[in-house]
Amino acid sequence: MIIDIHGHVVSPPEVYQFQSTLLGSRGNPFDKFPQISDELIEKYLEKHIGNLKKVGTDLQLISPRPYISMHSIQPAGVVHKWTQFVNDVIARQVQLHPEYFRGVAGLPQSPGQDIRECIPELKRCVQELGFVGCQLNPDPMEGGYPTPPGLGDEYWYPLYEALVEMDVPVLIHSAGCSSPRESYTLHFINEESIAIMSLLESNVFNDFPNLKVVVSHTGGAIPYHMGRFRAWRYRNGREDFDVSLKKLYFDTVNYSQEALELAFKVIGTDNLLFGTENPGTGSVFNPETGRTYDDLKPVIDQIEFLTEEDRKKVYEENAKKLYRLNI
């Protein structure tokens, strides 16, 4: 079985028309969410499901599109309404096609807001809608100011408590970026790198040893600079960096075979889960392979040092265990 733990929702234009109205009005006045028929949702899912079948994916965990999460928009009520609406769309898609999808919740994060404000939506999605995980943006300021607290800061502890209580994994995934110095794609990589170091240099895993954290895009820059962090830890007489890294999980959303080979060597197959981010940045034709960049199973299949047992862990077993998937 092939389980893709990093996918995003595909929605009809009416969803984004509502986003435009919500953004333009800043949520005032707000009457109710638009009604979108099952037939319309099915129409736009048809191609997505066709793509999954084409590349051999059996099940995909879908979450909101991060770069349009609007976390930095004020007032915070706009973010809450938009996040709830998108989570509801995801729930509808899972309900229509449980054979292909499971839901991963977006959180209504806003700059300066207590992280406890996100917990009711998290609990609604997990306890009422049956979602199996959530997506966390380490920078709800979206490249703006003030600088957000690192994920090792106690600001995040109420959320971690809720995640551990419900035994729900969190996918670290940055969102939009308003900084003129970064594209949102580069912002993803930078924020995921910062998130890893903040978590591993903190007391988070001492205080929450059962917290399940998956880092998107194969850990940003961290797996490719292991020597630097090993040396820093050695200088300070601290726990070996390789040992610390095993407290985290990572997806395979990295569209370079050379980079994935290194990730498998330094992270190991026990802590890597198959992910493609399809549809996303990699959903474009690669002239060298004749496939899209996010068609990653053939890439992983041709990494010679991986055993069949290794591939089974990455494609299926790690996801089933971490997300408690009864399939």
C-alpha atoms as a PDB file:
ATOM      1  CA  MET A   1       0.000   0.000   0.000  1.00  0.00           C
ATOM      2  CA  ILE A   2       1.230   3.507  -0.854  1.00  0.00           C
ATOM      3  CA  ILE A   3       0.252   6.215   1.662  1.00  0.00           C
ATOM      4  CA  ASP A   4       1.052   9.841   0.829  1.00  0.00           C
ATOM      5  CA  ILE A   5       1.067  11.790   4.100  1.00  0.00           C
ATOM      6  CA  HIS A   6       1.533  15.214   2.495  1.00  0.00           C
ATOM      7  CA  GLY A   7      -1.200  16.228   0.084  1.00  0.00           C
ATOM      8  CA  HIS A   8      -3.329  19.358  -0.203  1.00  0.00           C
ATOM      9  CA  VAL A   9      -6.962  20.035  -0.881  1.00  0.00           C
ATOM     10  CA  VAL A  10      -8.217  20.585  -4.447  1.00  0.00           C
ATOM     11  CA  SER A  11     -11.231  22.890  -4.508  1.00  0.00           C
ATOM     12  CA  PRO A  12     -13.710  24.344  -7.002  1.00  0.00           C
ATOM     13  CA  PRO A  13     -13.484  28.079  -7.848  1.00  0.00           C
ATOM     14  CA  GLU A  14     -16.412  28.831  -5.543  1.00  0.00           C
ATOM     15  CA  VAL A  15     -14.161  28.132  -2.553  1.00  0.00           C
ATOM     16  CA  TYR A  16     -11.718  30.828  -3.640  1.00  0.00           C
ATOM     17  CA  GLN A  17     -14.528  33.208  -4.539  1.00  0.00           C
ATOM     18  CA  PHE A  18     -15.609  32.956  -0.915  1.00  0.00           C
ATOM     19  CA  GLN A  19     -12.020  33.609   0.172  1.00  0.00           C
ATOM     20  CA  SER A  20     -11.940  36.753  -1.962  1.00  0.00           C
ATOM     21  CA  THR A  21     -15.209  38.003  -0.492  1.00  0.00           C
ATOM     22  CA  LEU A  22     -14.079  37.212   3.035  1.00  0.00           C
ATOM     23  CA  LEU A  23     -10.763  38.958   2.497  1.00  0.00           C
ATOM     24  CA  GLY A  24     -12.309  42.007   0.862  1.00  0.00           C
ATOM     25  CA  SER A  25     -14.912  42.458   3.576  1.00  0.00           C
ATOM     26  CA  ARG A  26     -12.577  41.413   6.421  1.00  0.00           C
ATOM     27  CA  GLY A  27     -15.415  39.150   7.534  1.00  0.00           C
ATOM     28  CA  ASN A  28     -17.877  41.955   8.196  1.00  0.00           C
ATOM     29  CA  PRO A  29     -20.674  41.449   7.498  1.00  0.00           C
ATOM     30  CA  PHE A  30     -20.650  37.657   7.585  1.00  0.00           C
ATOM     31  CA  ASP A  31     -23.812  35.638   7.173  1.00  0.00           C
ATOM     32  CA  LYS A  32     -22.949  32.007   6.439  1.00  0.00           C
ATOM     33  CA  PHE A  33     -20.621  29.808   4.456  1.00  0.00           C
ATOM     34  CA  PRO A  34     -21.559  29.269   0.791  1.00  0.00           C
ATOM     35  CA  GLN A  35     -23.255  26.014  -0.131  1.00  0.00           C
ATOM     36  CA  ILE A  36     -21.169  23.916  -2.497  1.00  0.00           C
ATOM     37  CA  SER A  37     -22.737  20.794  -3.957  1.00  0.00           C
ATOM     38  CA  ASP A  38     -21.232  17.329  -3.835  1.00  0.00           C
ATOM     39  CA  GLU A  39     -21.398  17.276  -7.643  1.00  0.00           C
ATOM     40  CA  LEU A  40     -19.173  20.355  -7.874  1.00  0.00           C
ATOM     41  CA  ILE A  41     -16.666  18.971  -5.382  1.00  0.00           C
ATOM     42  CA  GLU A  42     -16.625  15.671  -7.285  1.00  0.00           C
ATOM     43  CA  LYS A  43     -15.951  17.478 -10.555  1.00  0.00           C
ATOM     44  CA  TYR A  44     -12.702  18.943  -9.234  1.00  0.00           C
ATOM     45  CA  LEU A  45     -11.708  15.799  -7.362  1.00  0.00           C
ATOM     46  CA  GLU A  46     -11.962  13.673 -10.489  1.00  0.00           C
ATOM     47  CA  LYS A  47      -8.639  14.851 -11.926  1.00  0.00           C
ATOM     48  CA  HIS A  48      -6.936  14.673  -8.544  1.00  0.00           C
ATOM     49  CA  ILE A  49      -8.029  11.086  -7.975  1.00  0.00           C
ATOM     50  CA  GLY A  50      -6.972  10.293 -11.538  1.00  0.00           C
ATOM     51  CA  ASN A  51      -3.479  11.599 -10.741  1.00  0.00           C
ATOM     52  CA  LEU A  52      -3.302   9.488  -7.589  1.00  0.00           C
ATOM     53  CA  LYS A  53      -4.270   6.387  -9.557  1.00  0.00           C
ATOM     54  CA  LYS A  54      -1.727   7.213 -12.251  1.00  0.00           C
ATOM     55  CA  VAL A  55       1.188   7.393  -9.828  1.00  0.00           C
ATOM     56  CA  GLY A  56      -0.021   4.463  -7.724  1.00  0.00           C
ATOM     57  CA  THR A  57      -1.010   6.263  -4.516  1.00  0.00           C
ATOM     58  CA  ASP A  58      -3.633   4.352  -2.537  1.00  0.00           C
ATOM     59  CA  LEU A  59      -4.357   6.867   0.234  1.00  0.00           C
ATOM     60  CA  GLN A  60      -3.510  10.542   0.661  1.00  0.00           C
ATOM     61  CA  LEU A  61      -3.705  12.730   3.761  1.00  0.00           C
ATOM     62  CA  ILE A  62      -4.989  16.139   2.636  1.00  0.00           C
ATOM     63  CA  SER A  63      -4.622  19.488   4.373  1.00  0.00           C
ATOM     64  CA  PRO A  64      -5.282  23.150   3.452  1.00  0.00           C
ATOM     65  CA  ARG A  65      -3.086  24.810   0.829  1.00  0.00           C
ATOM     66  CA  PRO A  66      -0.555  26.529   3.134  1.00  0.00           C
ATOM     67  CA  TYR A  67       0.361  29.519   0.980  1.00  0.00           C
ATOM     68  CA  ILE A  68      -3.250  30.763   1.000  1.00  0.00           C
ATOM     69  CA  SER A  69      -3.937  30.171   4.695  1.00  0.00           C
ATOM     70  CA  MET A  70      -3.962  33.956   5.285  1.00  0.00           C
ATOM     71  CA  HIS A  71      -2.597  33.641   8.827  1.00  0.00           C
ATOM     72  CA  SER A  72      -1.229  37.183   8.892  1.00  0.00           C
ATOM     73  CA  ILE A  73      -4.531  38.774   7.863  1.00  0.00           C
ATOM     74  CA  GLN A  74      -6.379  40.861  10.429  1.00  0.00           C
ATOM     75  CA  PRO A  75      -8.778  40.671  12.117  1.00  0.00           C
ATOM     76  CA  ALA A  76      -8.232  37.156  13.437  1.00  0.00           C
ATOM     77  CA  GLY A  77     -11.888  36.316  12.833  1.00  0.00           C
ATOM     78  CA  VAL A  78     -11.215  36.210   9.092  1.00  0.00           C
ATOM     79  CA  VAL A  79      -8.584  33.517   9.606  1.00  0.00           C
ATOM     80  CA  HIS A  80     -10.881  31.505  11.872  1.00  0.00           C
ATOM     81  CA  LYS A  81     -13.741  31.600   9.362  1.00  0.00           C
ATOM     82  CA  TRP A  82     -11.536  30.697   6.404  1.00  0.00           C
ATOM     83  CA  THR A  83      -9.807  27.856   8.270  1.00  0.00           C
ATOM     84  CA  GLN A  84     -13.099  26.365   9.429  1.00  0.00           C
ATOM     85  CA  PHE A  85     -14.542  26.578   5.932  1.00  0.00           C
ATOM     86  CA  VAL A  86     -11.527  24.855   4.320  1.00  0.00           C
ATOM     87  CA  ASN A  87     -11.513  22.148   6.994  1.00  0.00           C
ATOM     88  CA  ASP A  88     -15.188  21.551   6.250  1.00  0.00           C
ATOM     89  CA  VAL A  89     -14.395  21.192   2.525  1.00  0.00           C
ATOM     90  CA  ILE A  90     -11.703  18.645   3.356  1.00  0.00           C
ATOM     91  CA  ALA A  91     -14.168  16.730   5.546  1.00  0.00           C
ATOM     92  CA  ARG A  92     -16.640  16.636   2.642  1.00  0.00           C
ATOM     93  CA  GLN A  93     -13.985  15.233   0.318  1.00  0.00           C
ATOM     94  CA  VAL A  94     -13.021  12.546   2.835  1.00  0.00           C
ATOM     95  CA  GLN A  95     -16.682  11.669   3.300  1.00  0.00           C
ATOM     96  CA  LEU A  96     -17.155  11.366  -0.466  1.00  0.00           C
ATOM     97  CA  HIS A  97     -13.998   9.285  -0.979  1.00  0.00           C
ATOM     98  CA  PRO A  98     -12.818   7.613   2.243  1.00  0.00           C
ATOM     99  CA  GLU A  99     -11.056   5.044   0.091  1.00  0.00           C
ATOM    100  CA  TYR A 100      -8.623   7.746  -1.117  1.00  0.00           C
ATOM    101  CA  PHE A 101      -8.432  10.460   1.557  1.00  0.00           C
ATOM    102  CA  ARG A 102      -7.976  11.275   5.238  1.00  0.00           C
ATOM    103  CA  GLY A 103      -8.141  14.797   6.667  1.00  0.00           C
ATOM    104  CA  VAL A 104      -5.341  16.855   8.209  1.00  0.00           C
ATOM    105  CA  ALA A 105      -6.651  20.002   9.892  1.00  0.00           C
ATOM    106  CA  GLY A 106      -5.555  23.551   9.333  1.00  0.00           C
ATOM    107  CA  LEU A 107      -5.251  25.668  12.482  1.00  0.00           C
ATOM    108  CA  PRO A 108      -6.626  29.246  12.680  1.00  0.00           C
ATOM    109  CA  GLN A 109      -3.334  30.845  13.694  1.00  0.00           C
ATOM    110  CA  SER A 110      -3.034  34.635  13.962  1.00  0.00           C
ATOM    111  CA  PRO A 111      -0.170  36.958  14.961  1.00  0.00           C
ATOM    112  CA  GLY A 112      -0.194  37.843  18.625  1.00  0.00           C
ATOM    113  CA  GLN A 113      -3.065  35.507  19.428  1.00  0.00           C
ATOM    114  CA  ASP A 114      -2.864  32.953  22.223  1.00  0.00           C
ATOM    115  CA  ILE A 115      -2.269  29.513  20.678  1.00  0.00           C
ATOM    116  CA  ARG A 116      -5.137  28.219  22.857  1.00  0.00           C
ATOM    117  CA  GLU A 117      -7.491  29.912  20.383  1.00  0.00           C
ATOM    118  CA  CYS A 118      -6.605  27.192  17.850  1.00  0.00           C
ATOM    119  CA  ILE A 119      -7.452  24.249  20.075  1.00  0.00           C
ATOM    120  CA  PRO A 120     -11.269  24.250  19.668  1.00  0.00           C
ATOM    121  CA  GLU A 121     -10.909  23.921  15.881  1.00  0.00           C
ATOM    122  CA  LEU A 122      -8.312  21.183  16.307  1.00  0.00           C
ATOM    123  CA  LYS A 123     -10.616  19.246  18.618  1.00  0.00           C
ATOM    124  CA  ARG A 124     -13.601  19.752  16.296  1.00  0.00           C
ATOM    125  CA  CYS A 125     -11.662  18.351  13.357  1.00  0.00           C
ATOM    126  CA  VAL A 126     -10.261  15.360  15.234  1.00  0.00           C
ATOM    127  CA  GLN A 127     -13.173  14.459  17.492  1.00  0.00           C
ATOM    128  CA  GLU A 128     -16.115  15.376  15.245  1.00  0.00           C
ATOM    129  CA  LEU A 129     -14.782  15.181  11.681  1.00  0.00           C
ATOM    130  CA  GLY A 130     -12.395  12.258  12.162  1.00  0.00           C
ATOM    131  CA  PHE A 131      -9.200  14.003  11.013  1.00  0.00           C
ATOM    132  CA  VAL A 132      -5.953  12.135  11.677  1.00  0.00           C
ATOM    133  CA  GLY A 133      -3.531  15.046  12.067  1.00  0.00           C
ATOM    134  CA  CYS A 134      -3.043  18.791  11.903  1.00  0.00           C
ATOM    135  CA  GLN A 135      -0.815  21.257  10.110  1.00  0.00           C
ATOM    136  CA  LEU A 136       1.159  23.848  12.103  1.00  0.00           C
ATOM    137  CA  ASN A 137       2.682  27.051  10.738  1.00  0.00           C
ATOM    138  CA  PRO A 138       5.776  28.024  12.771  1.00  0.00           C
ATOM    139  CA  ASP A 139       5.463  31.604  11.452  1.00  0.00           C
ATOM    140  CA  PRO A 140       1.880  32.934  11.602  1.00  0.00           C
ATOM    141  CA  MET A 141       3.368  36.399  10.951  1.00  0.00           C
ATOM    142  CA  GLU A 142       4.167  35.087   7.431  1.00  0.00           C
ATOM    143  CA  GLY A 143       7.531  36.778   7.193  1.00  0.00           C
ATOM    144  CA  GLY A 144       6.371  39.927   8.978  1.00  0.00           C
ATOM    145  CA  TYR A 145       6.807  41.385  12.440  1.00  0.00           C
ATOM    146  CA  PRO A 146       7.067  40.781  15.315  1.00  0.00           C
ATOM    147  CA  THR A 147       9.238  37.700  15.051  1.00  0.00           C
ATOM    148  CA  PRO A 148       7.269  34.639  16.233  1.00  0.00           C
ATOM    149  CA  PRO A 149       8.468  32.501  19.154  1.00  0.00           C
ATOM    150  CA  GLY A 150      10.381  29.376  18.139  1.00  0.00           C
ATOM    151  CA  LEU A 151       8.618  26.033  18.442  1.00  0.00           C
ATOM    152  CA  GLY A 152      10.679  25.312  21.549  1.00  0.00           C
ATOM    153  CA  ASP A 153       9.044  28.231  23.344  1.00  0.00           C
ATOM    154  CA  GLU A 154       6.393  27.578  25.986  1.00  0.00           C
ATOM    155  CA  TYR A 155       3.981  29.708  23.954  1.00  0.00           C
ATOM    156  CA  TRP A 156       3.221  26.509  22.007  1.00  0.00           C
ATOM    157  CA  TYR A 157       2.844  24.224  25.031  1.00  0.00           C
ATOM    158  CA  PRO A 158      -0.985  24.331  25.276  1.00  0.00           C
ATOM    159  CA  LEU A 159      -1.168  23.057  21.693  1.00  0.00           C
ATOM    160  CA  TYR A 160       1.393  20.335  22.381  1.00  0.00           C
ATOM    161  CA  GLU A 161      -0.638  19.248  25.414  1.00  0.00           C
ATOM    162  CA  ALA A 162      -3.756  18.924  23.262  1.00  0.00           C
ATOM    163  CA  LEU A 163      -1.894  17.001  20.549  1.00  0.00           C
ATOM    164  CA  VAL A 164      -0.469  14.522  23.043  1.00  0.00           C
ATOM    165  CA  GLU A 165      -3.843  14.141  24.761  1.00  0.00           C
ATOM    166  CA  MET A 166      -5.500  13.217  21.457  1.00  0.00           C
ATOM    167  CA  ASP A 167      -2.444  11.319  20.131  1.00  0.00           C
ATOM    168  CA  VAL A 168      -2.458  13.393  16.935  1.00  0.00           C
ATOM    169  CA  PRO A 169       0.666  14.051  14.803  1.00  0.00           C
ATOM    170  CA  VAL A 170       1.468  17.605  13.750  1.00  0.00           C
ATOM    171  CA  LEU A 171       2.895  18.414  10.308  1.00  0.00           C
ATOM    172  CA  ILE A 172       5.225  21.422  10.433  1.00  0.00           C
ATOM    173  CA  HIS A 173       4.509  23.444   7.301  1.00  0.00           C
ATOM    174  CA  SER A 174       5.048  27.151   6.839  1.00  0.00           C
ATOM    175  CA  ALA A 175       2.420  29.164   4.971  1.00  0.00           C
ATOM    176  CA  GLY A 176       2.404  32.436   3.039  1.00  0.00           C
ATOM    177  CA  CYS A 177       5.248  34.931   3.041  1.00  0.00           C
ATOM    178  CA  SER A 178       5.011  38.720   2.941  1.00  0.00           C
ATOM    179  CA  SER A 179       8.762  39.314   3.118  1.00  0.00           C
ATOM    180  CA  PRO A 180      10.342  40.852  -0.018  1.00  0.00           C
ATOM    181  CA  ARG A 181      13.476  38.810   0.724  1.00  0.00           C
ATOM    182  CA  GLU A 182      11.872  35.378   0.318  1.00  0.00           C
ATOM    183  CA  SER A 183       9.505  33.553  -1.969  1.00  0.00           C
ATOM    184  CA  TYR A 184       6.991  31.405  -0.129  1.00  0.00           C
ATOM    185  CA  THR A 185       8.884  28.300  -1.329  1.00  0.00           C
ATOM    186  CA  LEU A 186      12.143  29.509   0.209  1.00  0.00           C
ATOM    187  CA  HIS A 187      10.235  30.605   3.307  1.00  0.00           C
ATOM    188  CA  PHE A 188       9.027  27.005   3.717  1.00  0.00           C
ATOM    189  CA  ILE A 189      12.589  25.684   3.785  1.00  0.00           C
ATOM    190  CA  ASN A 190      13.899  28.407   6.092  1.00  0.00           C
ATOM    191  CA  GLU A 191      11.071  28.082   8.609  1.00  0.00           C
ATOM    192  CA  GLU A 192      11.261  24.290   8.699  1.00  0.00           C
ATOM    193  CA  SER A 193      15.002  24.509   9.388  1.00  0.00           C
ATOM    194  CA  ILE A 194      14.396  27.008  12.198  1.00  0.00           C
ATOM    195  CA  ALA A 195      11.602  24.814  13.577  1.00  0.00           C
ATOM    196  CA  ILE A 196      13.859  21.760  13.821  1.00  0.00           C
ATOM    197  CA  MET A 197      16.620  23.585  15.640  1.00  0.00           C
ATOM    198  CA  SER A 198      14.207  25.334  17.988  1.00  0.00           C
ATOM    199  CA  LEU A 199      12.580  22.029  18.936  1.00  0.00           C
ATOM    200  CA  LEU A 200      15.827  20.100  19.354  1.00  0.00           C
ATOM    201  CA  GLU A 201      17.553  22.843  21.366  1.00  0.00           C
ATOM    202  CA  SER A 202      14.618  23.085  23.790  1.00  0.00           C
ATOM    203  CA  ASN A 203      12.957  21.001  26.501  1.00  0.00           C
ATOM    204  CA  VAL A 204       9.932  20.148  24.361  1.00  0.00           C
ATOM    205  CA  PHE A 205      10.640  16.425  24.049  1.00  0.00           C
ATOM    206  CA  ASN A 206      11.547  16.176  27.728  1.00  0.00           C
ATOM    207  CA  ASP A 207       8.219  17.799  28.606  1.00  0.00           C
ATOM    208  CA  PHE A 208       6.232  16.011  25.866  1.00  0.00           C
ATOM    209  CA  PRO A 209       8.020  12.717  25.109  1.00  0.00           C
ATOM    210  CA  ASN A 210       4.985  11.387  23.201  1.00  0.00           C
ATOM    211  CA  LEU A 211       4.624  14.404  20.910  1.00  0.00           C
ATOM    212  CA  LYS A 212       4.566  13.337  17.251  1.00  0.00           C
ATOM    213  CA  VAL A 213       6.162  15.898  14.921  1.00  0.00           C
ATOM    214  CA  VAL A 214       6.545  15.480  11.150  1.00  0.00           C
ATOM    215  CA  VAL A 215       8.632  18.097   9.327  1.00  0.00           C
ATOM    216  CA  SER A 216       7.711  18.926   5.734  1.00  0.00           C
ATOM    217  CA  HIS A 217      10.027  19.011   2.743  1.00  0.00           C
ATOM    218  CA  THR A 218      12.461  16.495   4.228  1.00  0.00           C
ATOM    219  CA  GLY A 219      13.525  18.853   7.002  1.00  0.00           C
ATOM    220  CA  GLY A 220      14.403  21.985   5.070  1.00  0.00           C
ATOM    221  CA  ALA A 221      18.185  22.459   5.076  1.00  0.00           C
ATOM    222  CA  ILE A 222      19.008  20.481   8.224  1.00  0.00           C
ATOM    223  CA  PRO A 223      19.704  16.957   6.848  1.00  0.00           C
ATOM    224  CA  TYR A 224      22.189  18.429   4.369  1.00  0.00           C
ATOM    225  CA  HIS A 225      24.337  20.162   6.998  1.00  0.00           C
ATOM    226  CA  MET A 226      24.611  17.399   9.574  1.00  0.00           C
ATOM    227  CA  GLY A 227      28.331  17.848  10.063  1.00  0.00           C
ATOM    228  CA  ARG A 228      27.887  21.427  11.181  1.00  0.00           C
ATOM    229  CA  PHE A 229      25.318  20.504  13.842  1.00  0.00           C
ATOM    230  CA  ARG A 230      27.248  17.427  14.948  1.00  0.00           C
ATOM    231  CA  ALA A 231      30.302  19.623  15.510  1.00  0.00           C
ATOM    232  CA  TRP A 232      28.299  22.221  17.450  1.00  0.00           C
ATOM    233  CA  ARG A 233      26.871  19.556  19.753  1.00  0.00           C
ATOM    234  CA  TYR A 234      30.310  17.993  20.249  1.00  0.00           C
ATOM    235  CA  ARG A 235      31.781  21.367  21.204  1.00  0.00           C
ATOM    236  CA  ASN A 236      29.106  21.804  23.853  1.00  0.00           C
ATOM    237  CA  GLY A 237      29.182  18.264  25.241  1.00  0.00           C
ATOM    238  CA  ARG A 238      25.529  17.707  24.448  1.00  0.00           C
ATOM    239  CA  GLU A 239      23.512  14.779  23.111  1.00  0.00           C
ATOM    240  CA  ASP A 240      24.655  13.606  19.693  1.00  0.00           C
ATOM    241  CA  PHE A 241      22.746  15.512  17.009  1.00  0.00           C
ATOM    242  CA  ASP A 242      21.901  12.313  15.133  1.00  0.00           C
ATOM    243  CA  VAL A 243      20.196  11.000  18.267  1.00  0.00           C
ATOM    244  CA  SER A 244      18.216  14.209  18.702  1.00  0.00           C
ATOM    245  CA  LEU A 245      17.079  14.136  15.078  1.00  0.00           C
ATOM    246  CA  LYS A 246      15.400  10.751  15.651  1.00  0.00           C
ATOM    247  CA  LYS A 247      12.819  12.501  17.858  1.00  0.00           C
ATOM    248  CA  LEU A 248      11.323  13.935  14.658  1.00  0.00           C
ATOM    249  CA  TYR A 249       9.778  12.457  11.527  1.00  0.00           C
ATOM    250  CA  PHE A 250      10.161  13.752   7.991  1.00  0.00           C
ATOM    251  CA  ASP A 251       8.366  13.416   4.663  1.00  0.00           C
ATOM    252  CA  THR A 252       9.961  12.722   1.271  1.00  0.00           C
ATOM    253  CA  VAL A 253       8.754  15.940  -0.383  1.00  0.00           C
ATOM    254  CA  ASN A 254      12.089  16.714  -1.986  1.00  0.00           C
ATOM    255  CA  TYR A 255      12.239  16.571  -5.760  1.00  0.00           C
ATOM    256  CA  SER A 256      15.896  15.582  -6.087  1.00  0.00           C
ATOM    257  CA  GLN A 257      17.051  11.972  -6.072  1.00  0.00           C
ATOM    258  CA  GLU A 258      20.503  12.977  -4.844  1.00  0.00           C
ATOM    259  CA  ALA A 259      19.020  14.873  -1.900  1.00  0.00           C
ATOM    260  CA  LEU A 260      16.638  12.023  -1.043  1.00  0.00           C
ATOM    261  CA  GLU A 261      19.496   9.536  -1.067  1.00  0.00           C
ATOM    262  CA  LEU A 262      21.350  11.657   1.481  1.00  0.00           C
ATOM    263  CA  ALA A 263      18.198  12.040   3.577  1.00  0.00           C
ATOM    264  CA  PHE A 264      17.717   8.275   3.703  1.00  0.00           C
ATOM    265  CA  LYS A 265      21.316   7.875   4.841  1.00  0.00           C
ATOM    266  CA  VAL A 266      21.311  10.501   7.600  1.00  0.00           C
ATOM    267  CA  ILE A 267      17.680  10.281   8.797  1.00  0.00           C
ATOM    268  CA  GLY A 268      16.985   6.598   8.232  1.00  0.00           C
ATOM    269  CA  THR A 269      13.889   4.786   7.038  1.00  0.00           C
ATOM    270  CA  ASP A 270      12.332   4.540  10.502  1.00  0.00           C
ATOM    271  CA  ASN A 271      11.773   8.305  10.518  1.00  0.00           C
ATOM    272  CA  LEU A 272      10.825   9.011   6.899  1.00  0.00           C
ATOM    273  CA  LEU A 273       7.288   8.886   5.510  1.00  0.00           C
ATOM    274  CA  PHE A 274       6.281   8.985   1.868  1.00  0.00           C
ATOM    275  CA  GLY A 275       4.896  12.359   0.790  1.00  0.00           C
ATOM    276  CA  THR A 276       4.595  14.194  -2.512  1.00  0.00           C
ATOM    277  CA  GLU A 277       2.690  17.481  -1.873  1.00  0.00           C
ATOM    278  CA  ASN A 278       0.631  16.625  -4.956  1.00  0.00           C
ATOM    279  CA  PRO A 279      -0.822  18.970  -6.098  1.00  0.00           C
ATOM    280  CA  GLY A 280       1.846  21.552  -5.369  1.00  0.00           C
ATOM    281  CA  THR A 281       5.142  23.018  -6.494  1.00  0.00           C
ATOM    282  CA  GLY A 282       6.325  19.729  -7.962  1.00  0.00           C
ATOM    283  CA  SER A 283       3.238  19.139 -10.114  1.00  0.00           C
ATOM    284  CA  VAL A 284       5.058  20.142 -13.295  1.00  0.00           C
ATOM    285  CA  PHE A 285       6.640  18.059 -16.048  1.00  0.00           C
ATOM    286  CA  ASN A 286      10.264  17.027 -15.583  1.00  0.00           C
ATOM    287  CA  PRO A 287      11.834  16.653 -19.052  1.00  0.00           C
ATOM    288  CA  GLU A 288      14.629  14.455 -17.699  1.00  0.00           C
ATOM    289  CA  THR A 289      12.293  11.745 -16.387  1.00  0.00           C
ATOM    290  CA  GLY A 290       9.167  12.225 -18.487  1.00  0.00           C
ATOM    291  CA  ARG A 291       7.120  12.430 -15.292  1.00  0.00           C
ATOM    292  CA  THR A 292       6.103  15.216 -12.963  1.00  0.00           C
ATOM    293  CA  TYR A 293       8.589  16.149 -10.261  1.00  0.00           C
ATOM    294  CA  ASP A 294       6.169  15.018  -7.544  1.00  0.00           C
ATOM    295  CA  ASP A 295       5.908  11.492  -8.969  1.00  0.00           C
ATOM    296  CA  LEU A 296       8.346  10.333  -6.307  1.00  0.00           C
ATOM    297  CA  LYS A 297       7.719   6.608  -5.977  1.00  0.00           C
ATOM    298  CA  PRO A 298       9.833   5.734  -9.068  1.00  0.00           C
ATOM    299  CA  VAL A 299      12.603   7.944  -7.658  1.00  0.00           C
ATOM    300  CA  ILE A 300      12.595   6.130  -4.316  1.00  0.00           C
ATOM    301  CA  ASP A 301      12.258   2.728  -6.022  1.00  0.00           C
ATOM    302  CA  GLN A 302      15.537   3.259  -7.879  1.00  0.00           C
ATOM    303  CA  ILE A 303      17.618   4.155  -4.803  1.00  0.00           C
ATOM    304  CA  GLU A 304      19.730   1.013  -4.808  1.00  0.00           C
ATOM    305  CA  PHE A 305      20.729   0.780  -1.142  1.00  0.00           C
ATOM    306  CA  LEU A 306      17.114   0.710   0.095  1.00  0.00           C
ATOM    307  CA  THR A 307      15.758  -2.762   0.839  1.00  0.00           C
ATOM    308  CA  GLU A 308      12.169  -3.856   0.262  1.00  0.00           C
ATOM    309  CA  GLU A 309      11.703  -3.659   4.032  1.00  0.00           C
ATOM    310  CA  ASP A 310      12.967  -0.061   3.970  1.00  0.00           C
ATOM    311  CA  ARG A 311      10.526   0.899   1.229  1.00  0.00           C
ATOM    312  CA  LYS A 312       7.603  -0.791   2.990  1.00  0.00           C
ATOM    313  CA  LYS A 313       8.318   1.295   6.106  1.00  0.00           C
ATOM    314  CA  VAL A 314       8.445   4.533   4.128  1.00  0.00           C
ATOM    315  CA  TYR A 315       5.486   3.818   1.851  1.00  0.00           C
ATOM    316  CA  GLU A 316       3.136   2.329   4.411  1.00  0.00           C
ATOM    317  CA  GLU A 317       4.150   1.123   7.844  1.00  0.00           C
ATOM    318  CA  ASN A 318       5.466   4.379   9.333  1.00  0.00           C
ATOM    319  CA  ALA A 319       2.329   6.271   8.283  1.00  0.00           C
ATOM    320  CA  LYS A 320      -0.016   3.592   9.642  1.00  0.00           C
ATOM    321  CA  LYS A 321       1.775   3.608  12.978  1.00  0.00           C
ATOM    322  CA  LEU A 322       2.210   7.362  13.391  1.00  0.00           C
ATOM    323  CA  TYR A 323      -1.282   8.379  12.213  1.00  0.00           C
ATOM    324  CA  ARG A 324      -3.037   5.324  13.678  1.00  0.00           C
ATOM    325  CA  LEU A 325      -4.562   4.429  10.309  1.00  0.00           C
ATOM    326  CA  ASN A 326      -6.787   1.391  10.555  1.00  0.00           C
ATOM    327  CA  ILE A 327      -6.705   0.290   6.938  1.00  0.00           C
END
